[in-house]
């Protein structure tokens, strides 16, 4: 399925936190360009309210560097004004056996019903530009992609499908960290927190 999208131009006065929101289908690419340039906290609270100009100049770059960054960002989001959407039948998201077990334990420990749905989405945020979000919801929405795996009701935000396609959600428990881990073949990089990526 293909759809047209009106492009909005990125200017030096746009807030850093809004850059990823103006064209969600190209947000991952915009985040990568900003990270490669040297603006690493794309959507952190520390940087999100600065304008792009304030962020670039504040990091010691010049007006010339800012102009080049604007050209790169606008070129990236304007190329191919058509967006390919993943068909629901082609979408794949897998929970490892240990992750399934931990989700079921979480349902019990949080006093949720076994019919609760685990909603998976990607939000703009985190230290690398995007943040995985897992939450229990009582009723699935028709606006989400809904399916079952190993007795768990799962809902996926359709706007996040492109970035979640092909992911395996695992659970790790080591001396250094414990929690759900997202093995994402679509990500070009991530953060030590294990919860954000770009």
N, C-alpha and C. Protein backbone atom coordinates (compact mmCIF):
# COMPACT_ATOMS: atom_id res chain seq x y z
N UNK A 1 0.85 -1.18 0.00
CA UNK A 1 0.00 0.00 0.00
C UNK A 1 0.89 1.24 0.00
N UNK A 2 0.55 2.26 -0.79
CA UNK A 2 1.34 3.47 -0.88
C UNK A 2 0.43 4.66 -0.67
N UNK A 3 0.94 5.65 0.07
CA UNK A 3 0.12 6.84 0.27
C UNK A 3 0.97 8.08 0.14
N UNK A 4 0.35 9.19 -0.25
CA UNK A 4 1.03 10.46 -0.40
C UNK A 4 1.11 11.16 0.95
N UNK A 5 2.20 11.90 1.17
CA UNK A 5 2.32 12.66 2.40
C UNK A 5 2.88 14.03 2.08
N UNK A 6 2.27 15.09 2.62
CA UNK A 6 2.77 16.43 2.43
C UNK A 6 4.01 16.62 3.29
N UNK A 7 5.07 17.18 2.70
CA UNK A 7 6.31 17.36 3.43
C UNK A 7 6.34 18.74 4.09
N UNK A 8 6.89 18.82 5.27
CA UNK A 8 7.10 20.08 5.96
C UNK A 8 8.59 20.34 5.99
N UNK A 9 8.99 21.58 5.69
CA UNK A 9 10.41 21.90 5.64
C UNK A 9 10.95 22.10 7.06
N UNK A 10 12.14 21.56 7.30
CA UNK A 10 12.82 21.76 8.58
C UNK A 10 13.61 23.06 8.49
N UNK A 11 13.40 23.95 9.44
CA UNK A 11 14.12 25.22 9.49
C UNK A 11 14.99 25.25 10.75
N UNK A 12 15.85 26.27 10.84
CA UNK A 12 16.73 26.39 12.01
C UNK A 12 15.94 26.74 13.27
N UNK A 13 14.69 27.21 13.10
CA UNK A 13 13.88 27.62 14.25
C UNK A 13 13.00 26.50 14.81
N UNK A 14 13.01 25.33 14.17
CA UNK A 14 12.18 24.22 14.66
C UNK A 14 12.81 23.67 15.94
N UNK A 15 11.97 23.27 16.89
CA UNK A 15 12.48 22.66 18.11
C UNK A 15 13.03 21.27 17.79
N UNK A 16 14.14 20.93 18.42
CA UNK A 16 14.77 19.63 18.16
C UNK A 16 13.80 18.49 18.43
N UNK A 17 13.00 18.63 19.49
CA UNK A 17 12.04 17.58 19.82
C UNK A 17 10.95 17.39 18.80
N UNK A 18 10.74 18.38 17.91
CA UNK A 18 9.67 18.30 16.90
C UNK A 18 10.16 17.74 15.57
N UNK A 19 11.49 17.67 15.39
CA UNK A 19 12.03 17.24 14.09
C UNK A 19 11.55 15.85 13.72
N UNK A 20 11.53 14.95 14.70
CA UNK A 20 11.14 13.57 14.41
C UNK A 20 9.64 13.43 14.19
N UNK A 21 8.88 14.42 14.65
CA UNK A 21 7.43 14.32 14.58
C UNK A 21 6.86 14.85 13.26
N UNK A 22 7.60 15.70 12.55
CA UNK A 22 7.00 16.33 11.36
C UNK A 22 6.85 15.36 10.20
N UNK A 23 7.65 14.32 10.18
CA UNK A 23 7.52 13.31 9.13
C UNK A 23 7.85 11.96 9.74
N UNK A 24 6.87 11.33 10.45
CA UNK A 24 7.15 10.09 11.19
C UNK A 24 7.78 8.99 10.35
N UNK A 25 7.44 8.91 9.06
CA UNK A 25 7.98 7.82 8.24
C UNK A 25 9.48 7.99 7.99
N UNK A 26 9.99 9.22 8.12
CA UNK A 26 11.41 9.47 7.92
C UNK A 26 12.12 9.81 9.23
N UNK A 27 11.43 9.61 10.36
CA UNK A 27 11.99 10.00 11.65
C UNK A 27 13.27 9.24 11.98
N UNK A 28 13.31 7.96 11.64
CA UNK A 28 14.49 7.16 11.94
C UNK A 28 15.70 7.70 11.17
N UNK A 29 15.50 8.07 9.91
CA UNK A 29 16.56 8.61 9.09
C UNK A 29 17.01 9.97 9.62
N UNK A 30 16.04 10.84 9.99
CA UNK A 30 16.38 12.16 10.53
C UNK A 30 17.18 12.02 11.82
N UNK A 31 16.78 11.08 12.68
CA UNK A 31 17.50 10.84 13.93
C UNK A 31 18.94 10.41 13.66
N UNK A 32 19.11 9.55 12.66
CA UNK A 32 20.45 9.07 12.33
C UNK A 32 21.32 10.22 11.82
N UNK A 33 20.76 11.09 10.98
CA UNK A 33 21.51 12.24 10.46
C UNK A 33 21.94 13.15 11.60
N UNK A 34 21.02 13.42 12.55
CA UNK A 34 21.35 14.27 13.70
C UNK A 34 22.42 13.63 14.57
N UNK A 35 22.30 12.31 14.80
CA UNK A 35 23.31 11.61 15.60
C UNK A 35 24.67 11.64 14.93
N UNK A 36 24.70 11.38 13.63
CA UNK A 36 25.96 11.40 12.89
C UNK A 36 26.59 12.79 12.90
N UNK A 37 25.76 13.82 12.89
CA UNK A 37 26.24 15.20 12.90
C UNK A 37 26.86 15.55 14.25
N UNK A 38 26.29 14.99 15.34
CA UNK A 38 26.79 15.29 16.68
C UNK A 38 25.72 15.75 17.64
N UNK A 39 24.46 15.75 17.20
CA UNK A 39 23.33 16.07 18.08
C UNK A 39 22.77 14.72 18.53
N UNK A 40 23.24 14.25 19.70
CA UNK A 40 22.93 12.89 20.12
C UNK A 40 21.63 12.75 20.90
N UNK A 41 21.24 13.77 21.61
CA UNK A 41 20.03 13.65 22.45
C UNK A 41 18.84 14.25 21.71
N UNK A 42 18.47 13.62 20.62
CA UNK A 42 17.44 14.15 19.75
C UNK A 42 16.15 14.50 20.47
N UNK A 43 15.73 13.64 21.38
CA UNK A 43 14.46 13.88 22.04
C UNK A 43 14.53 13.85 23.55
N UNK A 44 15.73 13.99 24.10
CA UNK A 44 15.84 14.06 25.55
C UNK A 44 15.24 15.36 26.05
N UNK A 45 14.81 15.37 27.28
CA UNK A 45 14.28 16.59 27.88
C UNK A 45 15.28 17.72 27.84
N UNK A 46 16.58 17.39 27.91
CA UNK A 46 17.61 18.41 27.94
C UNK A 46 17.68 19.18 26.64
N UNK A 47 17.35 18.55 25.54
CA UNK A 47 17.53 19.19 24.24
C UNK A 47 16.24 19.49 23.52
N UNK A 48 15.15 18.88 23.90
CA UNK A 48 13.94 18.91 23.08
C UNK A 48 13.32 20.29 22.93
N UNK A 49 13.57 21.20 23.87
CA UNK A 49 12.95 22.51 23.77
C UNK A 49 13.85 23.54 23.09
N UNK A 50 15.08 23.16 22.80
CA UNK A 50 15.96 24.05 22.04
C UNK A 50 15.57 24.04 20.58
N UNK A 51 15.82 25.14 19.91
CA UNK A 51 15.67 25.13 18.45
C UNK A 51 16.86 24.40 17.87
N UNK A 52 16.75 24.00 16.64
CA UNK A 52 17.88 23.32 15.99
C UNK A 52 19.10 24.23 15.97
N UNK A 53 18.88 25.52 15.72
CA UNK A 53 19.98 26.48 15.71
C UNK A 53 20.67 26.54 17.08
N UNK A 54 19.88 26.62 18.15
CA UNK A 54 20.45 26.67 19.50
C UNK A 54 21.25 25.41 19.80
N UNK A 55 20.71 24.25 19.41
CA UNK A 55 21.40 23.00 19.66
C UNK A 55 22.71 22.89 18.91
N UNK A 56 22.70 23.30 17.63
CA UNK A 56 23.91 23.20 16.80
C UNK A 56 24.98 24.18 17.28
N UNK A 57 24.59 25.43 17.48
CA UNK A 57 25.56 26.44 17.93
C UNK A 57 26.03 26.11 19.35
N UNK A 58 25.11 25.63 20.19
CA UNK A 58 25.45 25.26 21.56
C UNK A 58 26.44 24.10 21.64
N UNK A 59 26.49 23.29 20.60
CA UNK A 59 27.44 22.18 20.56
C UNK A 59 28.76 22.59 19.89
N UNK A 60 28.91 23.89 19.62
CA UNK A 60 30.18 24.39 19.08
C UNK A 60 30.30 24.38 17.57
N UNK A 61 29.19 24.12 16.87
CA UNK A 61 29.24 24.13 15.42
C UNK A 61 28.97 25.54 14.88
N UNK A 62 29.29 25.75 13.62
CA UNK A 62 29.14 27.07 13.01
C UNK A 62 27.81 27.19 12.26
N UNK A 63 27.50 28.42 11.83
CA UNK A 63 26.30 28.66 11.00
C UNK A 63 26.41 27.87 9.70
N UNK A 64 27.62 27.75 9.18
CA UNK A 64 27.84 27.00 7.94
C UNK A 64 27.49 25.52 8.15
N UNK A 65 27.90 24.99 9.32
CA UNK A 65 27.55 23.60 9.66
C UNK A 65 26.03 23.43 9.76
N UNK A 66 25.37 24.43 10.36
CA UNK A 66 23.91 24.41 10.50
C UNK A 66 23.24 24.38 9.13
N UNK A 67 23.73 25.23 8.21
CA UNK A 67 23.16 25.26 6.85
C UNK A 67 23.29 23.91 6.17
N UNK A 68 24.45 23.27 6.31
CA UNK A 68 24.65 21.96 5.68
C UNK A 68 23.72 20.91 6.31
N UNK A 69 23.57 20.97 7.64
CA UNK A 69 22.68 20.03 8.32
C UNK A 69 21.24 20.20 7.84
N UNK A 70 20.80 21.44 7.68
CA UNK A 70 19.44 21.71 7.19
C UNK A 70 19.24 21.14 5.79
N UNK A 71 20.24 21.30 4.94
CA UNK A 71 20.16 20.75 3.57
C UNK A 71 20.03 19.23 3.63
N UNK A 72 20.88 18.59 4.46
CA UNK A 72 20.87 17.12 4.57
C UNK A 72 19.53 16.61 5.11
N UNK A 73 19.01 17.28 6.14
CA UNK A 73 17.74 16.85 6.74
C UNK A 73 16.59 17.00 5.76
N UNK A 74 16.51 18.15 5.10
CA UNK A 74 15.40 18.39 4.17
C UNK A 74 15.49 17.50 2.94
N UNK A 75 16.70 17.22 2.49
CA UNK A 75 16.87 16.30 1.36
C UNK A 75 16.38 14.90 1.75
N UNK A 76 16.75 14.48 2.97
CA UNK A 76 16.39 13.13 3.43
C UNK A 76 14.88 12.96 3.56
N UNK A 77 14.18 13.97 4.09
CA UNK A 77 12.74 13.79 4.30
C UNK A 77 11.93 14.05 3.03
N UNK A 78 12.53 14.74 2.05
CA UNK A 78 11.76 15.03 0.84
C UNK A 78 11.93 13.97 -0.23
N UNK A 79 12.99 13.19 -0.16
CA UNK A 79 13.21 12.15 -1.17
C UNK A 79 12.12 11.10 -1.10
N UNK A 80 11.54 10.80 -2.25
CA UNK A 80 10.50 9.78 -2.31
C UNK A 80 9.31 10.18 -1.47
N UNK A 81 8.49 11.10 -1.98
CA UNK A 81 7.32 11.57 -1.24
C UNK A 81 6.28 10.50 -1.00
N UNK A 82 6.57 9.28 -1.43
CA UNK A 82 5.63 8.19 -1.19
C UNK A 82 6.19 7.27 -0.12
N UNK A 83 5.34 6.81 0.74
CA UNK A 83 5.73 5.99 1.87
C UNK A 83 5.20 4.58 1.68
N UNK A 84 6.08 3.62 1.76
CA UNK A 84 5.64 2.23 1.69
C UNK A 84 5.16 1.81 3.06
N UNK A 85 4.01 1.25 3.10
CA UNK A 85 3.50 0.74 4.37
C UNK A 85 3.61 -0.77 4.37
N UNK A 86 3.95 -1.32 5.51
CA UNK A 86 4.05 -2.77 5.64
C UNK A 86 2.65 -3.36 5.70
N UNK A 87 2.43 -4.38 4.90
CA UNK A 87 1.14 -5.07 4.96
C UNK A 87 1.09 -5.89 6.24
N UNK A 88 -0.08 -5.96 6.83
CA UNK A 88 -0.22 -6.67 8.10
C UNK A 88 0.22 -8.12 7.99
N UNK A 89 -0.02 -8.76 6.85
CA UNK A 89 0.38 -10.17 6.67
C UNK A 89 1.89 -10.34 6.62
N UNK A 90 2.61 -9.26 6.27
CA UNK A 90 4.07 -9.33 6.17
C UNK A 90 4.76 -8.94 7.47
N UNK A 91 4.00 -8.47 8.44
CA UNK A 91 4.60 -7.99 9.69
C UNK A 91 4.98 -9.16 10.59
N UNK A 92 6.16 -9.05 11.22
CA UNK A 92 6.64 -10.13 12.09
C UNK A 92 7.25 -9.52 13.35
N UNK A 93 6.73 -9.91 14.49
CA UNK A 93 7.26 -9.52 15.80
C UNK A 93 7.21 -10.76 16.68
N UNK A 94 8.33 -11.12 17.26
CA UNK A 94 8.40 -12.38 18.01
C UNK A 94 8.86 -12.11 19.45
N UNK A 95 8.22 -12.78 20.39
CA UNK A 95 8.66 -12.80 21.77
C UNK A 95 9.38 -14.11 22.03
N UNK A 96 10.56 -14.04 22.63
CA UNK A 96 11.27 -15.27 22.98
C UNK A 96 10.50 -15.99 24.08
N UNK A 97 10.76 -17.29 24.26
CA UNK A 97 10.05 -18.03 25.32
C UNK A 97 10.20 -17.39 26.71
N UNK A 98 11.40 -16.90 27.03
CA UNK A 98 11.60 -16.27 28.35
C UNK A 98 10.83 -14.95 28.44
N UNK A 99 10.73 -14.21 27.32
CA UNK A 99 9.96 -12.96 27.32
C UNK A 99 8.48 -13.25 27.52
N UNK A 100 7.97 -14.31 26.89
CA UNK A 100 6.57 -14.72 27.07
C UNK A 100 6.31 -15.02 28.54
N UNK A 101 7.23 -15.77 29.15
CA UNK A 101 7.09 -16.12 30.56
C UNK A 101 7.05 -14.86 31.43
N UNK A 102 7.94 -13.91 31.15
CA UNK A 102 8.02 -12.68 31.95
C UNK A 102 6.79 -11.79 31.75
N UNK A 103 6.23 -11.78 30.54
CA UNK A 103 5.00 -11.02 30.30
C UNK A 103 3.86 -11.61 31.12
N UNK A 104 3.75 -12.93 31.13
CA UNK A 104 2.70 -13.59 31.91
C UNK A 104 2.88 -13.32 33.41
N UNK A 105 4.13 -13.32 33.87
CA UNK A 105 4.41 -13.00 35.27
C UNK A 105 4.01 -11.55 35.58
N UNK A 106 4.28 -10.65 34.64
CA UNK A 106 3.94 -9.24 34.83
C UNK A 106 2.42 -9.04 34.88
N UNK A 107 1.70 -9.79 34.06
CA UNK A 107 0.23 -9.72 34.08
C UNK A 107 -0.28 -10.07 35.47
N UNK A 108 0.27 -11.15 36.03
CA UNK A 108 -0.16 -11.57 37.38
C UNK A 108 0.27 -10.57 38.45
N UNK A 109 1.53 -10.15 38.40
CA UNK A 109 2.05 -9.27 39.46
C UNK A 109 1.39 -7.89 39.45
N UNK A 110 0.92 -7.45 38.28
CA UNK A 110 0.25 -6.15 38.20
C UNK A 110 -1.26 -6.27 38.38
N UNK A 111 -1.73 -7.49 38.68
CA UNK A 111 -3.15 -7.68 38.93
C UNK A 111 -4.02 -7.51 37.70
N UNK A 112 -3.42 -7.75 36.54
CA UNK A 112 -4.17 -7.63 35.29
C UNK A 112 -4.90 -8.94 34.98
N UNK A 113 -5.93 -8.83 34.16
CA UNK A 113 -6.64 -10.03 33.72
C UNK A 113 -5.82 -10.72 32.63
N UNK A 114 -5.97 -12.04 32.52
CA UNK A 114 -5.25 -12.77 31.48
C UNK A 114 -5.67 -12.34 30.08
N UNK A 115 -6.82 -11.66 30.00
CA UNK A 115 -7.29 -11.17 28.70
C UNK A 115 -6.71 -9.80 28.37
N UNK A 116 -5.88 -9.25 29.27
CA UNK A 116 -5.25 -7.95 28.99
C UNK A 116 -4.38 -8.06 27.74
N UNK A 117 -4.15 -6.93 27.13
CA UNK A 117 -3.36 -6.88 25.90
C UNK A 117 -2.06 -6.12 26.16
N UNK A 118 -0.95 -6.66 25.68
CA UNK A 118 0.33 -5.98 25.75
C UNK A 118 0.48 -5.16 24.48
N UNK A 119 0.55 -3.84 24.64
CA UNK A 119 0.69 -2.96 23.47
C UNK A 119 2.15 -2.58 23.29
N UNK A 120 2.64 -2.74 22.06
CA UNK A 120 4.03 -2.44 21.72
C UNK A 120 4.03 -1.27 20.74
N UNK A 121 4.84 -0.26 21.05
CA UNK A 121 4.92 0.89 20.14
C UNK A 121 6.32 1.50 20.22
N UNK A 122 6.57 2.43 19.32
CA UNK A 122 7.82 3.19 19.31
C UNK A 122 7.44 4.65 19.49
N UNK A 123 8.11 5.32 20.42
CA UNK A 123 7.87 6.73 20.69
C UNK A 123 9.12 7.53 20.36
N UNK A 124 8.93 8.79 20.00
CA UNK A 124 10.07 9.68 19.86
C UNK A 124 10.55 9.97 21.27
N UNK A 125 11.83 9.74 21.51
CA UNK A 125 12.36 9.98 22.85
C UNK A 125 13.58 9.13 23.11
N UNK A 126 14.03 9.12 24.34
CA UNK A 126 15.22 8.35 24.70
C UNK A 126 16.47 9.05 24.25
N UNK A 127 17.61 8.49 24.62
CA UNK A 127 18.87 9.15 24.32
C UNK A 127 19.35 8.93 22.90
N UNK A 128 18.71 8.05 22.14
CA UNK A 128 19.14 7.82 20.76
C UNK A 128 18.09 8.22 19.73
N UNK A 129 17.00 8.81 20.15
CA UNK A 129 16.01 9.30 19.20
C UNK A 129 14.67 8.62 19.27
N UNK A 130 14.65 7.31 19.56
CA UNK A 130 13.41 6.56 19.67
C UNK A 130 13.44 5.69 20.91
N UNK A 131 12.24 5.40 21.40
CA UNK A 131 12.11 4.65 22.63
C UNK A 131 11.06 3.57 22.44
N UNK A 132 11.38 2.33 22.82
CA UNK A 132 10.39 1.27 22.78
C UNK A 132 9.44 1.45 23.96
N UNK A 133 8.17 1.17 23.73
CA UNK A 133 7.18 1.32 24.79
C UNK A 133 6.34 0.06 24.88
N UNK A 134 6.28 -0.53 26.09
CA UNK A 134 5.44 -1.68 26.37
C UNK A 134 4.47 -1.28 27.46
N UNK A 135 3.18 -1.52 27.25
CA UNK A 135 2.21 -1.24 28.30
C UNK A 135 1.00 -2.15 28.15
N UNK A 136 0.37 -2.44 29.27
CA UNK A 136 -0.84 -3.25 29.25
C UNK A 136 -2.04 -2.34 29.04
N UNK A 137 -2.94 -2.79 28.17
CA UNK A 137 -4.21 -2.08 27.96
C UNK A 137 -5.35 -3.07 28.17
N UNK A 138 -6.49 -2.56 28.62
CA UNK A 138 -7.61 -3.45 28.92
C UNK A 138 -8.36 -3.90 27.67
N UNK A 139 -8.48 -2.98 26.70
CA UNK A 139 -9.22 -3.32 25.49
C UNK A 139 -8.37 -2.99 24.26
N UNK A 140 -8.24 -3.94 23.36
CA UNK A 140 -7.49 -3.65 22.12
C UNK A 140 -8.25 -2.67 21.24
N UNK A 141 -7.50 -1.90 20.47
CA UNK A 141 -8.10 -0.94 19.56
C UNK A 141 -8.04 -1.47 18.13
N UNK A 142 -9.07 -1.18 17.35
CA UNK A 142 -9.08 -1.60 15.94
C UNK A 142 -8.03 -0.83 15.14
N UNK A 143 -7.53 0.28 15.72
CA UNK A 143 -6.50 1.07 15.04
C UNK A 143 -5.13 0.40 15.13
N UNK A 144 -4.99 -0.59 16.03
CA UNK A 144 -3.73 -1.33 16.18
C UNK A 144 -3.80 -2.65 15.43
N UNK A 145 -2.63 -3.24 15.20
CA UNK A 145 -2.56 -4.60 14.67
C UNK A 145 -2.61 -5.53 15.88
N UNK A 146 -3.62 -6.38 15.93
CA UNK A 146 -3.83 -7.25 17.09
C UNK A 146 -3.63 -8.71 16.71
N UNK A 147 -2.87 -9.43 17.55
CA UNK A 147 -2.65 -10.86 17.32
C UNK A 147 -2.31 -11.53 18.65
N UNK A 148 -2.19 -12.85 18.62
CA UNK A 148 -1.85 -13.62 19.82
C UNK A 148 -0.55 -14.37 19.60
N UNK A 149 0.23 -14.48 20.67
CA UNK A 149 1.40 -15.36 20.64
C UNK A 149 1.50 -16.07 21.98
N UNK A 150 1.52 -17.37 21.96
CA UNK A 150 1.68 -18.18 23.18
C UNK A 150 0.73 -17.75 24.29
N UNK A 151 -0.52 -17.48 23.92
CA UNK A 151 -1.53 -17.13 24.91
C UNK A 151 -1.52 -15.68 25.34
N UNK A 152 -0.67 -14.85 24.75
CA UNK A 152 -0.62 -13.42 25.10
C UNK A 152 -1.30 -12.63 23.99
N UNK A 153 -2.20 -11.72 24.38
CA UNK A 153 -2.79 -10.79 23.42
C UNK A 153 -1.82 -9.65 23.19
N UNK A 154 -1.47 -9.42 21.94
CA UNK A 154 -0.49 -8.38 21.60
C UNK A 154 -1.12 -7.39 20.63
N UNK A 155 -0.88 -6.11 20.88
CA UNK A 155 -1.32 -5.04 19.97
C UNK A 155 -0.08 -4.26 19.56
N UNK A 156 0.00 -3.94 18.28
CA UNK A 156 1.13 -3.15 17.78
C UNK A 156 0.59 -1.88 17.16
N UNK A 157 1.15 -0.75 17.58
CA UNK A 157 0.79 0.54 17.01
C UNK A 157 1.14 0.51 15.52
N UNK A 158 0.14 0.71 14.66
CA UNK A 158 0.38 0.61 13.22
C UNK A 158 1.38 1.65 12.72
N UNK A 159 1.46 2.80 13.40
CA UNK A 159 2.43 3.82 13.00
C UNK A 159 3.86 3.37 13.30
N UNK A 160 4.01 2.39 14.18
CA UNK A 160 5.33 1.90 14.57
C UNK A 160 5.73 0.63 13.83
N UNK A 161 4.84 0.12 12.98
CA UNK A 161 5.08 -1.19 12.36
C UNK A 161 6.38 -1.26 11.58
N UNK A 162 6.71 -0.18 10.85
CA UNK A 162 7.92 -0.21 10.03
C UNK A 162 9.16 -0.41 10.91
N UNK A 163 9.18 0.24 12.08
CA UNK A 163 10.35 0.16 12.95
C UNK A 163 10.34 -1.09 13.83
N UNK A 164 9.19 -1.74 13.94
CA UNK A 164 9.10 -2.93 14.79
C UNK A 164 9.15 -4.23 13.99
N UNK A 165 9.03 -4.13 12.68
CA UNK A 165 8.98 -5.33 11.87
C UNK A 165 10.29 -6.12 11.96
N UNK A 166 10.18 -7.41 12.25
CA UNK A 166 11.35 -8.28 12.31
C UNK A 166 12.03 -8.33 13.66
N UNK A 167 11.52 -7.60 14.65
CA UNK A 167 12.13 -7.55 15.97
C UNK A 167 11.83 -8.81 16.77
N UNK A 168 12.83 -9.25 17.54
CA UNK A 168 12.61 -10.26 18.56
C UNK A 168 12.70 -9.56 19.91
N UNK A 169 11.67 -9.72 20.73
CA UNK A 169 11.70 -9.18 22.08
C UNK A 169 12.11 -10.30 23.02
N UNK A 170 13.22 -10.10 23.69
CA UNK A 170 13.79 -11.11 24.58
C UNK A 170 13.77 -10.55 26.00
N UNK A 171 14.16 -11.35 26.95
CA UNK A 171 14.29 -10.89 28.34
C UNK A 171 15.64 -11.36 28.85
N UNK A 172 16.41 -10.42 29.42
CA UNK A 172 17.72 -10.78 29.95
C UNK A 172 17.75 -10.50 31.45
N UNK A 173 18.53 -11.29 32.15
CA UNK A 173 18.67 -11.11 33.59
C UNK A 173 20.12 -11.43 33.95
N UNK A 174 20.95 -10.38 34.00
CA UNK A 174 22.37 -10.56 34.30
C UNK A 174 22.72 -9.72 35.52
N UNK A 175 23.98 -9.77 35.91
CA UNK A 175 24.45 -8.95 37.03
C UNK A 175 24.34 -7.47 36.71
N UNK A 176 24.52 -7.13 35.44
CA UNK A 176 24.53 -5.72 35.04
C UNK A 176 23.16 -5.15 34.72
N UNK A 177 22.27 -5.97 34.22
CA UNK A 177 20.96 -5.45 33.82
C UNK A 177 19.93 -6.57 33.75
N UNK A 178 18.68 -6.18 33.87
CA UNK A 178 17.60 -7.13 33.66
C UNK A 178 16.42 -6.37 33.05
N UNK A 179 15.71 -7.05 32.18
CA UNK A 179 14.56 -6.44 31.54
C UNK A 179 14.40 -6.92 30.12
N UNK A 180 13.39 -6.37 29.46
CA UNK A 180 13.12 -6.76 28.08
C UNK A 180 14.17 -6.14 27.16
N UNK A 181 14.64 -6.94 26.23
CA UNK A 181 15.65 -6.50 25.28
C UNK A 181 15.07 -6.62 23.88
N UNK A 182 15.24 -5.58 23.08
CA UNK A 182 14.70 -5.54 21.73
C UNK A 182 15.83 -5.78 20.74
N UNK A 183 15.81 -6.92 20.09
CA UNK A 183 16.80 -7.23 19.06
C UNK A 183 16.24 -6.75 17.73
N UNK A 184 16.70 -5.57 17.31
CA UNK A 184 16.10 -4.87 16.19
C UNK A 184 17.01 -4.83 14.97
N UNK A 185 16.70 -5.57 13.92
CA UNK A 185 17.53 -5.54 12.71
C UNK A 185 17.40 -4.24 11.93
N UNK A 186 16.36 -3.42 12.25
CA UNK A 186 16.14 -2.16 11.53
C UNK A 186 16.93 -1.00 12.12
N UNK A 187 17.48 -1.19 13.32
CA UNK A 187 18.14 -0.10 14.03
C UNK A 187 19.57 0.07 13.54
N UNK A 188 19.98 1.34 13.36
CA UNK A 188 21.37 1.61 12.97
C UNK A 188 22.26 1.83 14.18
N UNK A 189 21.67 1.90 15.36
CA UNK A 189 22.45 2.11 16.55
C UNK A 189 21.55 2.21 17.76
N UNK A 190 22.14 2.20 18.92
CA UNK A 190 21.33 2.27 20.12
C UNK A 190 22.09 2.89 21.26
N UNK A 191 21.51 2.81 22.43
CA UNK A 191 22.10 3.41 23.61
C UNK A 191 22.37 2.32 24.62
N UNK A 192 23.27 2.60 25.55
CA UNK A 192 23.60 1.64 26.58
C UNK A 192 22.42 1.27 27.45
N UNK A 193 21.39 2.12 27.47
CA UNK A 193 20.21 1.81 28.29
C UNK A 193 19.43 0.64 27.73
N UNK A 194 19.63 0.32 26.45
CA UNK A 194 18.94 -0.81 25.84
C UNK A 194 17.50 -0.57 25.52
N UNK A 195 17.00 0.63 25.77
CA UNK A 195 15.60 0.93 25.55
C UNK A 195 15.38 1.89 24.39
N UNK A 196 16.45 2.52 23.90
CA UNK A 196 16.29 3.49 22.82
C UNK A 196 17.22 3.14 21.66
N UNK A 197 16.89 3.67 20.48
CA UNK A 197 17.64 3.34 19.27
C UNK A 197 17.49 4.44 18.25
N UNK A 198 18.24 4.36 17.18
CA UNK A 198 18.06 5.27 16.04
C UNK A 198 18.28 4.51 14.75
